[in-house]
PDB file of all heavy atoms in Angstrom:
ATOM      1  N   ASP A   1      11.522  -6.042  -6.340  1.00  0.00           N
ATOM      2  CA  ASP A   1      10.149  -6.527  -6.342  1.00  0.00           C
ATOM      3  C   ASP A   1       9.357  -5.819  -7.441  1.00  0.00           C
ATOM      4  O   ASP A   1       9.597  -4.644  -7.744  1.00  0.00           O
ATOM      5  CB  ASP A   1       9.501  -6.273  -4.978  1.00  0.00           C
ATOM      6  CG  ASP A   1       8.412  -7.284  -4.674  1.00  0.00           C
ATOM      7  OD1 ASP A   1       8.113  -8.118  -5.547  1.00  0.00           O
ATOM      8  OD2 ASP A   1       7.860  -7.237  -3.565  1.00  0.00           O
ATOM      9  N   GLN A   2       8.424  -6.534  -8.029  1.00  0.00           N
ATOM     10  CA  GLN A   2       7.648  -6.016  -9.150  1.00  0.00           C
ATOM     11  C   GLN A   2       6.156  -6.146  -8.882  1.00  0.00           C
ATOM     12  O   GLN A   2       5.713  -6.992  -8.107  1.00  0.00           O
ATOM     13  CB  GLN A   2       8.006  -6.784 -10.442  1.00  0.00           C
ATOM     14  CG  GLN A   2       9.475  -6.747 -10.820  1.00  0.00           C
ATOM     15  CD  GLN A   2       9.929  -5.379 -11.249  1.00  0.00           C
ATOM     16  OE1 GLN A   2       9.170  -4.621 -11.857  1.00  0.00           O
ATOM     17  NE2 GLN A   2      11.173  -5.033 -10.932  1.00  0.00           N
ATOM     18  N   VAL A   3       5.390  -5.301  -9.568  1.00  0.00           N
ATOM     19  CA  VAL A   3       3.934  -5.417  -9.533  1.00  0.00           C
ATOM     20  C   VAL A   3       3.524  -6.625 -10.365  1.00  0.00           C
ATOM     21  O   VAL A   3       4.010  -6.825 -11.484  1.00  0.00           O
ATOM     22  CB  VAL A   3       3.270  -4.144 -10.088  1.00  0.00           C
ATOM     23  CG1 VAL A   3       1.749  -4.294 -10.113  1.00  0.00           C
ATOM     24  CG2 VAL A   3       3.669  -2.941  -9.260  1.00  0.00           C
ATOM     25  N   ARG A   4       2.641  -7.451  -9.812  1.00  0.00           N
ATOM     26  CA  ARG A   4       2.201  -8.649 -10.525  1.00  0.00           C
ATOM     27  C   ARG A   4       0.976  -8.359 -11.388  1.00  0.00           C
ATOM     28  O   ARG A   4       0.390  -7.270 -11.316  1.00  0.00           O
ATOM     29  CB  ARG A   4       1.888  -9.750  -9.508  1.00  0.00           C
ATOM     30  CG  ARG A   4       3.084 -10.114  -8.661  1.00  0.00           C
ATOM     31  CD  ARG A   4       2.697 -11.090  -7.557  1.00  0.00           C
ATOM     32  NE  ARG A   4       3.723 -11.097  -6.510  1.00  0.00           N
ATOM     33  CZ  ARG A   4       3.489 -11.385  -5.247  1.00  0.00           C
ATOM     34  NH1 ARG A   4       2.269 -11.689  -4.845  1.00  0.00           N
ATOM     35  NH2 ARG A   4       4.466 -11.369  -4.362  1.00  0.00           N
ATOM     36  N   LYS A   5       0.582  -9.356 -12.190  1.00  0.00           N
ATOM     37  CA  LYS A   5      -0.516  -9.165 -13.138  1.00  0.00           C
ATOM     38  C   LYS A   5      -1.836  -8.851 -12.453  1.00  0.00           C
ATOM     39  O   LYS A   5      -2.673  -8.142 -13.020  1.00  0.00           O
ATOM     40  CB  LYS A   5      -0.671 -10.417 -14.012  1.00  0.00           C
ATOM     41  CG  LYS A   5       0.487 -10.651 -14.972  1.00  0.00           C
ATOM     42  CD  LYS A   5       0.243 -11.889 -15.816  1.00  0.00           C
ATOM     43  CE  LYS A   5       1.392 -12.116 -16.787  1.00  0.00           C
ATOM     44  NZ  LYS A   5       1.191 -13.332 -17.630  1.00  0.00           N
ATOM     45  N   ASP A   6      -2.026  -9.387 -11.250  1.00  0.00           N
ATOM     46  CA  ASP A   6      -3.300  -9.166 -10.553  1.00  0.00           C
ATOM     47  C   ASP A   6      -3.225  -7.996  -9.576  1.00  0.00           C
ATOM     48  O   ASP A   6      -4.076  -7.855  -8.697  1.00  0.00           O
ATOM     49  CB  ASP A   6      -3.736 -10.429  -9.816  1.00  0.00           C
ATOM     50  CG  ASP A   6      -2.737 -10.877  -8.758  1.00  0.00           C
ATOM     51  OD1 ASP A   6      -1.600 -10.360  -8.765  1.00  0.00           O
ATOM     52  OD2 ASP A   6      -3.088 -11.731  -7.929  1.00  0.00           O
ATOM     53  N   GLU A   7      -2.217  -7.137  -9.739  1.00  0.00           N
ATOM     54  CA  GLU A   7      -2.025  -6.008  -8.835  1.00  0.00           C
ATOM     55  C   GLU A   7      -1.883  -4.710  -9.628  1.00  0.00           C
ATOM     56  O   GLU A   7      -1.649  -4.721 -10.838  1.00  0.00           O
ATOM     57  CB  GLU A   7      -0.755  -6.200  -7.994  1.00  0.00           C
ATOM     58  CG  GLU A   7      -0.791  -7.391  -7.062  1.00  0.00           C
ATOM     59  CD  GLU A   7       0.534  -7.639  -6.376  1.00  0.00           C
ATOM     60  OE1 GLU A   7       1.590  -7.353  -6.991  1.00  0.00           O
ATOM     61  OE2 GLU A   7       0.532  -8.119  -5.239  1.00  0.00           O
ATOM     62  N   ILE A   8      -1.979  -3.606  -8.906  1.00  0.00           N
ATOM     63  CA  ILE A   8      -1.702  -2.302  -9.484  1.00  0.00           C
ATOM     64  C   ILE A   8      -0.719  -1.581  -8.567  1.00  0.00           C
ATOM     65  O   ILE A   8      -0.812  -1.678  -7.338  1.00  0.00           O
ATOM     66  CB  ILE A   8      -2.999  -1.468  -9.657  1.00  0.00           C
ATOM     67  CG1 ILE A   8      -2.682  -0.140 -10.349  1.00  0.00           C
ATOM     68  CG2 ILE A   8      -3.702  -1.231  -8.325  1.00  0.00           C
ATOM     69  CD1 ILE A   8      -3.929   0.655 -10.734  1.00  0.00           C
ATOM     70  N   GLY A   9       0.254  -0.907  -9.150  1.00  0.00           N
ATOM     71  CA  GLY A   9       1.177  -0.130  -8.345  1.00  0.00           C
ATOM     72  C   GLY A   9       0.489   1.107  -7.801  1.00  0.00           C
ATOM     73  O   GLY A   9      -0.297   1.754  -8.505  1.00  0.00           O
ATOM     74  N   MET A  10       0.782   1.450  -6.557  1.00  0.00           N
ATOM     75  CA  MET A  10       0.140   2.595  -5.915  1.00  0.00           C
ATOM     76  C   MET A  10       1.193   3.390  -5.139  1.00  0.00           C
ATOM     77  O   MET A  10       1.835   2.861  -4.228  1.00  0.00           O
ATOM     78  CB  MET A  10      -0.963   2.121  -4.974  1.00  0.00           C
ATOM     79  CG  MET A  10      -1.789   3.237  -4.362  1.00  0.00           C
ATOM     80  SD  MET A  10      -2.853   4.066  -5.573  1.00  0.00           S
ATOM     81  CE  MET A  10      -3.936   2.711  -6.058  1.00  0.00           C
ATOM     82  N   VAL A  11       1.366   4.658  -5.507  1.00  0.00           N
ATOM     83  CA  VAL A  11       2.308   5.535  -4.822  1.00  0.00           C
ATOM     84  C   VAL A  11       1.576   6.272  -3.715  1.00  0.00           C
ATOM     85  O   VAL A  11       0.534   6.903  -3.957  1.00  0.00           O
ATOM     86  CB  VAL A  11       2.933   6.541  -5.805  1.00  0.00           C
ATOM     87  CG1 VAL A  11       3.818   7.546  -5.059  1.00  0.00           C
ATOM     88  CG2 VAL A  11       3.748   5.823  -6.861  1.00  0.00           C
ATOM     89  N   VAL A  12       2.114   6.210  -2.499  1.00  0.00           N
ATOM     90  CA  VAL A  12       1.523   6.939  -1.373  1.00  0.00           C
ATOM     91  C   VAL A  12       2.581   7.837  -0.765  1.00  0.00           C
ATOM     92  O   VAL A  12       3.770   7.505  -0.762  1.00  0.00           O
ATOM     93  CB  VAL A  12       0.935   5.977  -0.315  1.00  0.00           C
ATOM     94  CG1 VAL A  12      -0.233   5.195  -0.890  1.00  0.00           C
ATOM     95  CG2 VAL A  12       1.988   5.024   0.223  1.00  0.00           C
ATOM     96  N   CYS A  13       2.135   8.976  -0.248  1.00  0.00           N
ATOM     97  CA  CYS A  13       3.094   9.953   0.261  1.00  0.00           C
ATOM     98  C   CYS A  13       2.754  10.451   1.654  1.00  0.00           C
ATOM     99  O   CYS A  13       3.473  11.281   2.201  1.00  0.00           O
ATOM    100  CB  CYS A  13       3.179  11.154  -0.688  1.00  0.00           C
ATOM    101  SG  CYS A  13       1.607  12.040  -0.883  1.00  0.00           S
ATOM    102  N   GLY A  14       1.674   9.943   2.255  1.00  0.00           N
ATOM    103  CA  GLY A  14       1.240  10.454   3.554  1.00  0.00           C
ATOM    104  C   GLY A  14       0.981   9.372   4.563  1.00  0.00           C
ATOM    105  O   GLY A  14       1.796   8.453   4.733  1.00  0.00           O
ATOM    106  N   ALA A  15      -0.171   9.451   5.219  1.00  0.00           N
ATOM    107  CA  ALA A  15      -0.472   8.570   6.343  1.00  0.00           C
ATOM    108  C   ALA A  15      -0.690   7.121   5.936  1.00  0.00           C
ATOM    109  O   ALA A  15      -0.834   6.250   6.806  1.00  0.00           O
ATOM    110  CB  ALA A  15      -1.701   9.080   7.097  1.00  0.00           C
ATOM    111  N   HIS A  16      -0.717   6.829   4.635  1.00  0.00           N
ATOM    112  CA  HIS A  16      -0.819   5.434   4.192  1.00  0.00           C
ATOM    113  C   HIS A  16       0.545   4.745   4.160  1.00  0.00           C
ATOM    114  O   HIS A  16       0.618   3.541   3.919  1.00  0.00           O
ATOM    115  CB  HIS A  16      -1.452   5.348   2.797  1.00  0.00           C
ATOM    116  CG  HIS A  16      -2.927   5.611   2.786  1.00  0.00           C
ATOM    117  ND1 HIS A  16      -3.462   6.840   2.492  1.00  0.00           N
ATOM    118  CD2 HIS A  16      -3.978   4.797   3.074  1.00  0.00           C
ATOM    119  CE1 HIS A  16      -4.779   6.782   2.561  1.00  0.00           C
ATOM    120  NE2 HIS A  16      -5.120   5.567   2.913  1.00  0.00           N
ATOM    121  N   MET A  17       1.621   5.477   4.395  1.00  0.00           N
ATOM    122  CA  MET A  17       2.946   4.861   4.360  1.00  0.00           C
ATOM    123  C   MET A  17       3.152   3.939   5.559  1.00  0.00           C
ATOM    124  O   MET A  17       2.453   4.027   6.568  1.00  0.00           O
ATOM    125  CB  MET A  17       4.031   5.943   4.309  1.00  0.00           C
ATOM    126  CG  MET A  17       4.015   6.734   3.005  1.00  0.00           C
ATOM    127  SD  MET A  17       5.522   7.722   2.726  1.00  0.00           S
ATOM    128  CE  MET A  17       5.392   8.909   4.037  1.00  0.00           C
ATOM    129  N   SER A  18       4.130   3.042   5.436  1.00  0.00           N
ATOM    130  CA  SER A  18       4.365   2.016   6.447  1.00  0.00           C
ATOM    131  C   SER A  18       4.558   2.635   7.822  1.00  0.00           C
ATOM    132  O   SER A  18       5.284   3.619   7.987  1.00  0.00           O
ATOM    133  CB  SER A  18       5.589   1.176   6.083  1.00  0.00           C
ATOM    134  OG  SER A  18       6.729   1.990   5.942  1.00  0.00           O
ATOM    135  N   GLY A  19       3.892   2.045   8.809  1.00  0.00           N
ATOM    136  CA  GLY A  19       4.025   2.486  10.185  1.00  0.00           C
ATOM    137  C   GLY A  19       3.190   3.694  10.553  1.00  0.00           C
ATOM    138  O   GLY A  19       3.138   4.068  11.727  1.00  0.00           O
ATOM    139  N   LEU A  20       2.517   4.327   9.589  1.00  0.00           N
ATOM    140  CA  LEU A  20       1.701   5.505   9.865  1.00  0.00           C
ATOM    141  C   LEU A  20       0.226   5.106  10.008  1.00  0.00           C
ATOM    142  O   LEU A  20      -0.170   4.000   9.643  1.00  0.00           O
ATOM    143  CB  LEU A  20       1.918   6.554   8.775  1.00  0.00           C
ATOM    144  CG  LEU A  20       3.356   7.110   8.713  1.00  0.00           C
ATOM    145  CD1 LEU A  20       3.475   8.223   7.675  1.00  0.00           C
ATOM    146  CD2 LEU A  20       3.817   7.614  10.073  1.00  0.00           C
ATOM    147  N   PRO A  21      -0.613   6.009  10.532  1.00  0.00           N
ATOM    148  CA  PRO A  21      -1.958   5.610  10.987  1.00  0.00           C
ATOM    149  C   PRO A  21      -2.860   4.940   9.963  1.00  0.00           C
ATOM    150  O   PRO A  21      -3.676   4.088  10.326  1.00  0.00           O
ATOM    151  CB  PRO A  21      -2.557   6.947  11.462  1.00  0.00           C
ATOM    152  CG  PRO A  21      -1.378   7.751  11.890  1.00  0.00           C
ATOM    153  CD  PRO A  21      -0.294   7.396  10.935  1.00  0.00           C
ATOM    154  N   LEU A  22      -2.768   5.304   8.686  1.00  0.00           N
ATOM    155  CA  LEU A  22      -3.675   4.738   7.686  1.00  0.00           C
ATOM    156  C   LEU A  22      -3.064   3.577   6.900  1.00  0.00           C
ATOM    157  O   LEU A  22      -3.680   3.091   5.947  1.00  0.00           O
ATOM    158  CB  LEU A  22      -4.134   5.837   6.716  1.00  0.00           C
ATOM    159  CG  LEU A  22      -4.918   7.008   7.333  1.00  0.00           C
ATOM    160  CD1 LEU A  22      -5.386   7.963   6.244  1.00  0.00           C
ATOM    161  CD2 LEU A  22      -6.113   6.491   8.135  1.00  0.00           C
ATOM    162  N   ASN A  23      -1.879   3.133   7.298  1.00  0.00           N
ATOM    163  CA  ASN A  23      -1.232   2.051   6.556  1.00  0.00           C
ATOM    164  C   ASN A  23      -2.068   0.776   6.541  1.00  0.00           C
ATOM    165  O   ASN A  23      -2.024  -0.009   5.586  1.00  0.00           O
ATOM    166  CB  ASN A  23       0.149   1.760   7.143  1.00  0.00           C
ATOM    167  CG  ASN A  23       0.911   0.705   6.381  1.00  0.00           C
ATOM    168  OD1 ASN A  23       1.228  -0.348   6.917  1.00  0.00           O
ATOM    169  ND2 ASN A  23       1.204   0.962   5.112  1.00  0.00           N
ATOM    170  N   SER A  24      -2.860   0.572   7.595  1.00  0.00           N
ATOM    171  CA  SER A  24      -3.696  -0.641   7.655  1.00  0.00           C
ATOM    172  C   SER A  24      -4.722  -0.685   6.536  1.00  0.00           C
ATOM    173  O   SER A  24      -5.218  -1.757   6.191  1.00  0.00           O
ATOM    174  CB  SER A  24      -4.401  -0.732   9.009  1.00  0.00           C
ATOM    175  OG  SER A  24      -5.262   0.373   9.204  1.00  0.00           O
ATOM    176  N   GLU A  25      -5.068   0.479   5.951  1.00  0.00           N
ATOM    177  CA  GLU A  25      -6.010   0.480   4.828  1.00  0.00           C
ATOM    178  C   GLU A  25      -5.396  -0.208   3.606  1.00  0.00           C
ATOM    179  O   GLU A  25      -6.126  -0.677   2.725  1.00  0.00           O
ATOM    180  CB  GLU A  25      -6.437   1.908   4.489  1.00  0.00           C
ATOM    181  CG  GLU A  25      -7.269   2.555   5.593  1.00  0.00           C
ATOM    182  CD  GLU A  25      -7.825   3.909   5.190  1.00  0.00           C
ATOM    183  OE1 GLU A  25      -7.663   4.297   4.005  1.00  0.00           O
ATOM    184  OE2 GLU A  25      -8.417   4.576   6.048  1.00  0.00           O
ATOM    185  N   LEU A  26      -4.087  -0.267   3.558  1.00  0.00           N
ATOM    186  CA  LEU A  26      -3.403  -1.024   2.505  1.00  0.00           C
ATOM    187  C   LEU A  26      -3.170  -2.475   2.934  1.00  0.00           C
ATOM    188  O   LEU A  26      -3.521  -3.408   2.216  1.00  0.00           O
ATOM    189  CB  LEU A  26      -2.070  -0.362   2.169  1.00  0.00           C
ATOM    190  CG  LEU A  26      -2.127   0.929   1.349  1.00  0.00           C
ATOM    191  CD1 LEU A  26      -0.777   1.618   1.351  1.00  0.00           C
ATOM    192  CD2 LEU A  26      -2.569   0.635  -0.080  1.00  0.00           C
ATOM    193  N   THR A  27      -2.572  -2.651   4.095  1.00  0.00           N
ATOM    194  CA  THR A  27      -2.197  -4.007   4.516  1.00  0.00           C
ATOM    195  C   THR A  27      -3.417  -4.894   4.719  1.00  0.00           C
ATOM    196  O   THR A  27      -3.357  -6.096   4.452  1.00  0.00           O
ATOM    197  CB  THR A  27      -1.357  -3.961   5.800  1.00  0.00           C
ATOM    198  OG1 THR A  27      -2.086  -3.276   6.832  1.00  0.00           O
ATOM    199  CG2 THR A  27      -0.039  -3.245   5.558  1.00  0.00           C
ATOM    200  N   SER A  28      -4.528  -4.342   5.182  1.00  0.00           N
ATOM    201  CA  SER A  28      -5.734  -5.154   5.388  1.00  0.00           C
ATOM    202  C   SER A  28      -6.328  -5.636   4.068  1.00  0.00           C
ATOM    203  O   SER A  28      -7.135  -6.560   4.048  1.00  0.00           O
ATOM    204  CB  SER A  28      -6.786  -4.355   6.164  1.00  0.00           C
ATOM    205  OG  SER A  28      -7.251  -3.246   5.400  1.00  0.00           O
ATOM    206  N   ARG A  29      -5.906  -5.012   2.975  1.00  0.00           N
ATOM    207  CA  ARG A  29      -6.377  -5.413   1.647  1.00  0.00           C
ATOM    208  C   ARG A  29      -5.342  -6.284   0.915  1.00  0.00           C
ATOM    209  O   ARG A  29      -5.460  -6.514  -0.275  1.00  0.00           O
ATOM    210  CB  ARG A  29      -6.707  -4.173   0.821  1.00  0.00           C
ATOM    211  CG  ARG A  29      -7.951  -3.433   1.309  1.00  0.00           C
ATOM    212  CD  ARG A  29      -8.179  -2.138   0.529  1.00  0.00           C
ATOM    213  NE  ARG A  29      -9.514  -1.600   0.784  1.00  0.00           N
ATOM    214  CZ  ARG A  29      -9.830  -0.830   1.819  1.00  0.00           C
ATOM    215  NH1 ARG A  29      -8.862  -0.487   2.684  1.00  0.00           N
ATOM    216  NH2 ARG A  29     -11.057  -0.395   1.993  1.00  0.00           N
ATOM    217  N   GLY A  30      -4.338  -6.731   1.640  1.00  0.00           N
ATOM    218  CA  GLY A  30      -3.336  -7.610   1.041  1.00  0.00           C
ATOM    219  C   GLY A  30      -2.282  -6.894   0.228  1.00  0.00           C
ATOM    220  O   GLY A  30      -1.572  -7.520  -0.565  1.00  0.00           O
TER     221      GLY A  30
END
């Protein structure tokens, strides 16, 4: 999978990772 033209790649290492408490801050933004 690749980053598209209308997106930016974002590296996360903590609670924003999948299944962790802050992941919804990413998924709710698409």
